[in-house]
Protein backbone atom coordinates (compact mmCIF):
# COMPACT_ATOMS: atom_id res chain seq x y z
CA MET A 1 27.75 -214.11 97.59
CA HIS A 2 31.99 -213.44 96.40
CA ARG A 3 30.19 -210.50 94.21
CA ASN A 4 28.19 -208.77 97.33
CA ILE A 5 31.83 -209.27 99.43
CA ARG A 6 33.54 -207.09 96.58
CA ASN A 7 31.01 -204.92 96.39
CA LEU A 8 31.28 -204.15 100.06
CA THR A 9 35.34 -204.52 100.38
CA PHE A 10 35.65 -201.32 97.22
CA ARG A 11 32.73 -199.46 99.30
CA LEU A 12 34.33 -199.54 102.73
CA LEU A 13 37.84 -198.74 100.81
CA ALA A 14 36.34 -195.92 98.85
CA LEU A 15 34.79 -194.67 102.15
CA ALA A 16 38.24 -194.94 103.96
CA ALA A 17 39.85 -192.42 100.81
CA PHE A 18 36.96 -190.32 101.22
CA PHE A 19 37.69 -189.66 105.24
CA ALA A 20 41.39 -189.88 104.38
CA LEU A 21 41.00 -186.98 101.93
CA ALA A 22 38.68 -185.03 104.08
CA MET A 23 41.50 -185.71 107.33
CA VAL A 24 43.87 -184.83 104.31
CA SER A 25 42.10 -181.04 104.01
CA ALA A 26 41.19 -180.70 107.31
CA VAL A 27 44.66 -180.81 108.19
CA GLN A 28 46.02 -177.98 105.19
CA ALA A 29 42.87 -175.81 106.37
CA MET A 30 44.17 -175.99 109.59
CA GLU A 31 48.25 -175.55 108.58
CA SER A 32 47.84 -172.02 108.35
CA GLU A 33 45.86 -171.33 111.23
CA ASP A 34 48.66 -173.16 113.51
CA CYS A 35 51.01 -170.86 111.66
CA LEU A 36 49.12 -167.22 112.35
CA MET A 37 48.88 -168.73 115.93
CA CYS A 38 52.24 -167.48 116.36
CA HIS A 39 53.50 -165.42 113.59
CA GLY A 40 50.47 -163.56 113.88
CA ASP A 41 51.21 -162.01 117.31
CA ALA A 42 54.37 -159.80 116.79
CA ASP A 43 54.91 -160.40 120.88
CA MET A 44 55.93 -163.87 119.86
CA VAL A 45 57.97 -163.86 116.81
CA GLY A 46 59.27 -160.32 116.45
CA ASP A 47 58.53 -157.74 113.99
CA ALA A 48 60.54 -159.44 111.33
CA LEU A 49 58.60 -162.56 111.18
CA ALA A 50 55.34 -160.88 111.88
CA ILE A 51 52.22 -161.35 109.37
CA ASP A 52 48.85 -159.28 109.47
CA GLU A 53 46.30 -162.28 109.28
CA ALA A 54 44.08 -159.46 108.01
CA LYS A 55 46.25 -158.53 105.19
CA PHE A 56 47.47 -162.13 104.38
CA ALA A 57 44.47 -163.74 104.20
CA ALA A 58 43.21 -161.00 101.49
CA THR A 59 45.94 -162.24 99.19
CA LEU A 60 46.14 -165.40 96.70
CA HIS A 61 48.57 -166.41 99.18
CA GLY A 62 46.57 -166.57 101.88
CA GLU A 63 44.17 -168.54 99.94
CA MET A 64 46.98 -170.99 98.71
CA GLY A 65 47.79 -171.52 102.37
CA CYS A 66 51.42 -171.52 104.49
CA THR A 67 52.81 -174.37 103.72
CA SER A 68 52.20 -173.83 99.44
CA CYS A 69 55.83 -171.95 99.67
CA HIS A 70 57.39 -173.32 103.07
CA MET A 71 56.82 -176.39 102.16
CA GLY A 72 59.85 -178.06 104.79
CA VAL A 73 57.89 -176.68 108.08
CA SER A 74 57.49 -179.80 109.89
CA ASP A 75 54.38 -180.77 112.25
CA SER A 76 57.11 -180.03 115.45
CA HIS A 77 58.47 -176.97 113.84
CA PRO A 78 59.89 -174.22 115.87
CA ASP A 79 61.38 -176.89 118.15
CA ASP A 80 62.83 -179.09 115.89
CA GLY A 81 65.19 -176.50 115.12
CA VAL A 82 65.55 -176.93 111.49
CA ALA A 83 65.75 -173.86 109.55
CA LEU A 84 63.19 -173.31 106.73
CA ASP A 85 64.62 -173.40 102.96
CA LYS A 86 64.49 -169.81 101.65
CA VAL A 87 61.22 -169.73 99.14
CA SER A 88 61.94 -169.01 95.36
CA CYS A 89 59.35 -166.71 94.03
CA SER A 90 60.55 -167.89 90.35
CA ASP A 91 58.73 -171.66 91.42
CA CYS A 92 55.29 -169.44 90.65
CA HIS A 93 56.20 -166.14 89.43
CA PHE A 94 58.70 -167.39 86.66
CA ASP A 95 57.60 -165.22 83.78
CA VAL A 96 57.79 -162.59 86.11
CA GLU A 97 61.15 -163.31 87.14
CA GLN A 98 62.23 -163.56 83.40
CA GLU A 99 60.67 -160.54 82.58
CA TYR A 100 62.36 -158.63 85.64
CA ASN A 101 65.67 -159.79 84.54
CA ALA A 102 65.18 -158.20 81.34
CA GLY A 103 65.32 -154.71 83.08
CA ILE A 104 67.00 -152.30 84.33
CA HIS A 105 66.83 -152.97 87.74
CA SER A 106 68.09 -156.90 87.12
CA GLY A 107 70.74 -158.09 90.13
CA MET A 108 69.43 -154.28 92.21
CA ALA A 109 66.53 -155.77 93.79
CA GLY A 110 64.99 -158.83 94.73
CA CYS A 111 61.35 -159.40 94.94
CA ASN A 112 61.16 -158.92 98.78
CA ASP A 113 62.71 -155.78 98.13
CA CYS A 114 59.47 -154.41 96.90
CA HIS A 115 56.51 -157.26 97.63
CA ASP A 116 55.87 -157.91 101.20
CA PRO A 117 54.57 -162.14 100.12
CA HIS A 118 51.95 -162.38 102.94
CA ALA A 119 50.49 -158.88 102.10
CA ALA A 120 51.12 -159.40 98.13
CA LEU A 121 47.73 -158.12 95.85
CA ALA A 122 46.81 -157.73 92.49
CA PRO A 123 47.31 -154.56 90.83
CA THR A 124 43.51 -153.26 91.19
CA GLU A 125 43.38 -153.85 94.89
CA VAL A 126 46.64 -151.32 95.28
CA SER A 127 46.58 -147.96 94.95
CA GLY A 128 49.01 -145.55 92.77
CA TYR A 129 50.21 -143.88 95.96
CA ASP A 130 51.60 -147.57 97.77
CA MET A 131 53.02 -148.64 93.99
CA ASN A 132 54.96 -145.57 94.39
CA ALA A 133 56.14 -145.73 98.18
CA MET A 134 57.51 -149.21 97.15
CA CYS A 135 59.97 -147.15 94.69
CA ALA A 136 60.48 -144.68 97.05
CA ASN A 137 62.17 -147.29 99.20
CA CYS A 138 65.40 -146.61 97.30
CA HIS A 139 64.00 -143.35 95.09
CA MET A 140 63.53 -140.56 96.98
CA ILE A 141 60.96 -138.28 96.20
CA SER A 142 62.91 -135.26 96.03
CA ASN A 143 65.81 -136.96 93.93
CA THR A 144 63.18 -138.44 91.50
CA ILE A 145 61.42 -134.55 90.82
CA ASP A 146 64.75 -133.32 90.64
CA SER A 147 65.65 -135.27 87.77
CA HIS A 148 62.31 -135.36 86.32
CA GLU A 149 62.50 -131.42 86.35
CA ARG A 150 65.32 -131.46 83.73
CA TRP A 151 63.01 -131.96 81.14
CA LEU A 152 59.86 -132.69 82.42
CA PRO A 153 57.48 -129.07 83.40
CA GLN A 154 55.90 -129.43 86.77
CA ALA A 155 57.59 -132.98 87.24
CA GLY A 156 56.07 -132.24 90.89
CA LEU A 157 52.72 -132.90 89.46
CA HIS A 158 53.15 -135.24 87.02
CA ILE A 159 54.79 -137.55 89.97
CA GLU A 160 51.85 -136.98 91.93
CA ALA A 161 49.54 -138.41 89.60
CA VAL A 162 51.44 -140.93 87.94
CA PRO A 163 52.61 -144.17 89.62
CA CYS A 164 56.61 -144.79 88.55
CA ILE A 165 55.51 -148.28 86.57
CA THR A 166 52.99 -146.23 84.16
CA CYS A 167 55.67 -144.76 82.36
CA HIS A 168 59.15 -147.02 83.61
CA THR A 169 57.28 -150.42 82.79
CA GLY A 170 55.25 -151.81 79.70
CA SER A 171 52.45 -151.36 81.54
CA GLU A 172 49.19 -151.20 80.24
CA ASP A 173 45.89 -150.74 80.24
CA VAL A 174 45.98 -147.40 82.14
CA VAL A 175 43.11 -145.87 83.79
CA ILE A 176 42.22 -142.93 85.67
CA THR A 177 41.84 -143.93 89.68
CA TRP A 178 40.35 -141.60 92.03
CA TYR A 179 41.63 -141.77 95.47
CA LEU A 180 39.55 -140.15 98.50
CA VAL A 181 41.87 -137.61 100.09
CA LYS A 182 41.66 -134.93 102.96
CA GLN A 183 43.60 -131.55 103.04
CA LYS A 184 44.80 -131.42 99.19
CA LYS A 185 46.78 -128.41 98.94
CA ALA A 186 50.03 -128.74 97.05
CA TYR A 187 52.34 -132.04 96.56
CA GLY A 188 52.48 -134.37 99.31
CA ASP A 189 50.23 -132.09 101.35
CA PHE A 190 47.26 -134.48 101.41
CA VAL A 191 46.67 -137.60 103.81
CA LEU A 192 44.22 -140.68 102.35
CA VAL A 193 41.21 -141.25 103.88
CA THR A 194 40.95 -144.25 106.00
CA PRO A 195 38.28 -146.75 106.21
CA GLU A 196 37.66 -146.40 109.75
CA GLU A 197 36.99 -142.50 108.94
CA LEU A 198 34.73 -143.42 105.87
CA SER A 199 32.78 -145.99 108.10
CA ARG A 200 31.78 -143.11 110.40
CA LEU A 201 30.84 -140.61 107.95
CA ALA A 202 28.40 -143.36 106.39
CA GLY A 203 27.03 -144.58 109.32
CA ASP A 204 25.01 -147.49 109.20
CA SER A 205 25.03 -147.46 105.41
CA ASP A 206 28.36 -149.12 103.20
CA ILE A 207 31.11 -146.71 102.13
CA PHE A 208 30.42 -146.56 99.05
CA SER A 209 26.97 -144.89 99.65
CA LEU A 210 29.17 -141.65 99.97
CA ILE A 211 29.71 -141.25 96.70
CA ASP A 212 27.47 -144.10 94.98
CA THR A 213 23.85 -142.59 97.03
CA ASP A 214 21.45 -144.98 94.14
CA GLY A 215 23.47 -148.44 95.09
CA SER A 216 23.68 -149.38 91.62
CA GLY A 217 27.08 -150.14 91.92
CA LYS A 218 28.61 -147.31 89.34
CA VAL A 219 29.08 -143.67 89.86
CA SER A 220 27.39 -141.33 87.74
CA LEU A 221 28.15 -137.88 86.62
CA GLU A 222 25.72 -136.48 88.83
CA GLU A 223 26.37 -138.35 91.88
CA LEU A 224 30.23 -137.21 91.66
CA LYS A 225 28.87 -134.14 90.98
CA ALA A 226 26.59 -134.15 93.93
CA PHE A 227 29.58 -135.50 96.22
CA ASN A 228 32.19 -132.76 94.93
CA SER A 229 29.61 -129.86 95.79
CA SER A 230 28.21 -131.48 99.31
CA ARG A 231 29.58 -129.25 101.84
CA GLU A 232 28.87 -132.42 104.61
CA TYR A 233 31.81 -133.85 102.35
CA ARG A 234 33.99 -130.42 101.95
CA ASP A 235 37.13 -131.46 103.73
CA LEU A 236 37.35 -134.80 101.72
CA HIS A 237 38.72 -134.26 97.56
CA LEU A 238 38.80 -137.26 94.95
CA VAL A 239 42.33 -136.59 93.45
CA GLY A 240 42.94 -138.75 89.81
CA MET A 241 45.79 -140.82 89.52
CA MET A 242 46.81 -142.80 85.84
CA THR A 243 47.30 -146.77 86.76
CA PRO A 244 47.68 -149.39 84.92
CA GLU A 245 45.42 -152.69 85.06
CA GLU A 246 47.90 -155.25 83.45
CA VAL A 247 51.37 -154.52 85.51
CA SER A 248 54.46 -155.51 83.57
CA HIS A 249 58.22 -155.66 85.95
CA ASP A 250 60.31 -155.26 82.69
CA PHE A 251 61.55 -151.72 84.11
CA GLN A 252 63.20 -149.27 81.30
CA ILE A 253 63.49 -145.99 80.21
CA LEU A 254 60.80 -145.67 77.16
CA ASP A 255 61.02 -143.68 74.52
CA ASN A 256 57.36 -143.51 73.66
CA ARG A 257 56.61 -141.52 77.69
CA TRP A 258 58.77 -139.02 76.34
CA ASP A 259 55.78 -138.35 74.18
CA CYS A 260 53.65 -135.95 75.71
CA THR A 261 50.46 -137.84 73.62
CA PHE A 262 50.88 -141.11 75.11
CA CYS A 263 49.52 -139.41 78.33
CA HIS A 264 47.36 -135.98 76.89
CA ALA A 265 45.94 -137.11 73.57
CA SER A 266 43.58 -135.07 72.53
CA GLY A 267 39.83 -136.04 71.93
CA PRO A 268 36.92 -137.00 74.27
CA GLN A 269 38.59 -141.08 73.83
CA ALA A 270 41.78 -140.10 75.68
CA ARG A 271 41.64 -142.08 79.05
CA GLN A 272 38.14 -142.14 79.85
CA VAL A 273 37.64 -145.08 81.52
CA SER A 274 37.73 -144.11 85.74
CA TYR A 275 36.96 -145.96 89.21
CA VAL A 276 36.56 -144.52 92.48
CA ALA A 277 38.81 -146.64 94.95
CA PHE A 278 37.20 -146.99 98.66
CA PRO A 279 40.28 -148.57 101.08
CA GLN A 280 39.35 -151.60 102.81
CA ASP A 281 40.14 -152.90 106.35
CA ASP A 282 42.09 -155.83 105.07
CA GLY A 283 44.69 -153.35 102.99
CA THR A 284 42.85 -153.85 99.43
CA ILE A 285 40.72 -150.96 97.60
CA ALA A 286 37.62 -152.17 96.22
CA ARG A 287 36.88 -150.16 93.26
CA LEU A 288 33.29 -148.89 91.70
CA GLY A 289 33.34 -148.02 88.04
CA VAL A 290 32.19 -144.31 87.19
CA GLU A 291 30.12 -142.96 84.26
CA LYS A 292 32.13 -142.26 81.23
CA GLY A 293 33.27 -138.65 80.95
CA ALA A 294 34.29 -137.94 84.18
CA VAL A 295 37.75 -136.97 83.18
CA LEU A 296 35.87 -134.52 80.32
CA ASP A 297 34.25 -132.57 82.98
CA ALA A 298 36.99 -130.73 85.10
CA LEU A 299 34.86 -128.44 86.73
CA ASN A 300 32.08 -130.28 88.12
CA GLY A 301 33.20 -133.88 87.17
CA THR A 302 37.19 -134.11 88.91
CA PRO A 303 37.98 -130.34 90.30
CA ASN A 304 40.93 -132.06 91.56
CA PHE A 305 42.24 -133.01 88.27
CA TYR A 306 43.42 -131.83 85.14
CA MET A 307 44.93 -133.69 82.10
CA MET A 308 45.75 -131.00 79.69
CA GLY A 309 44.67 -132.17 76.04
CA ALA A 310 41.78 -134.63 77.23
CA THR A 311 40.30 -132.75 79.56
CA ARG A 312 37.07 -130.39 78.64
CA ASN A 313 34.31 -128.77 80.09
CA LYS A 314 31.26 -127.60 78.33
CA THR A 315 30.77 -124.52 80.49
CA MET A 316 34.33 -123.10 80.82
CA ASN A 317 34.13 -123.19 76.93
CA ILE A 318 31.10 -120.80 76.63
CA ILE A 319 32.87 -118.56 79.16
CA GLY A 320 35.82 -118.58 76.89
CA ALA A 321 34.31 -117.70 73.60
CA LEU A 322 32.12 -114.94 75.40
CA ILE A 323 35.57 -113.39 76.83
CA ILE A 324 37.41 -113.71 73.11
CA ALA A 325 34.13 -112.53 71.49
CA GLY A 326 34.02 -109.85 73.94
CA GLY A 327 37.98 -108.73 73.70
CA LEU A 328 36.70 -108.56 69.54
CA VAL A 329 34.25 -106.61 70.25
CA MET A 330 36.08 -103.04 70.56
CA PRO A 331 38.50 -103.41 67.79
CA ILE A 332 35.67 -104.77 65.22
CA GLY A 333 33.84 -102.04 66.41
CA HIS A 334 36.11 -99.40 66.15
CA GLY A 335 37.08 -100.21 62.79
CA THR A 336 33.45 -100.62 61.61
CA MET A 337 32.12 -97.48 62.96
CA ARG A 338 35.57 -95.22 61.42
CA PHE A 339 35.22 -97.35 57.96
CA LEU A 340 31.12 -96.44 57.75
CA THR A 341 31.83 -92.52 59.00
CA ARG A 342 35.34 -92.06 56.93
CA LYS A 343 33.37 -89.85 54.75
CA ASN A 344 32.46 -87.33 57.26
CA ARG A 345 35.76 -87.54 58.70
CA GLN A 346 37.13 -86.44 55.45
CA GLY A 347 34.23 -83.77 54.84
CA GLY A 348 35.11 -82.33 58.22
CA GLY A 349 38.52 -82.05 57.32
CA HIS A 350 38.08 -79.77 54.01
């Protein structure tokens, strides 16, 4: 009997503990929702404290919840009048802070000067243009072009095609990412296509089907060529940027980036991993892998991206060879005829 009582007591305690944990989890799940009831409305809290719910939900910070960083907030906030302690990013990102402090930016800017903690995304979820927009908050594009033109040919084109962190940090695994833009004419004269615009073009289908027509989840060279030559999408262009997969925060002036071969390496292996980026409603980008060889095919595969030393095109190679051959016909032919008829000309001279 005593054993039955002990078993019953143990079961009741275990059941109570389970419900207690469930209640705690429910409270934790509701905390972010409670916060966003106010902070999701700029009219209530002001622009400085307003949070875009969709963008926040797409981040790892959003999955962790508000109180993971703002641990001092009470149930009666803000009526309790207690100011929240400033959040230190290094509590979680200690290695990033150490890396950043070793670079030339150390002491010049804090994490929040470049990153919105309520919209912080992984490098593969951020476009190269958004990466450069962070830098442009302090480094004006015009000044950046002027300073690079002192040594870098076509500085504007380089800055358009390469995020700053690709050259000014030790970021690794550089790939070519293609972005959908409108009215590409000159440096800065383009607009990234919005998710809404892509949705209108796709109709009832998902936006990936605009290029990935067979729904395989990978863009083939034939699909890429079909998109680039389509009259239906003649106002859209794919523009490539050399974006890193693994980002470093150690900002430096790196010697090897002065070497043109860092990007313009010859041969078919140079920068051959590429993706097409599709903007999402939550501010992220989703990517589809492209069949190897797109970077090489400058005429049909990637007409808006040319990387000397790594880009090739069979058709252009043949045309170039024919032009060279045609140019040699006249001097070689003329010289040959003169050689073969030299005796006749000599006899006619007597």
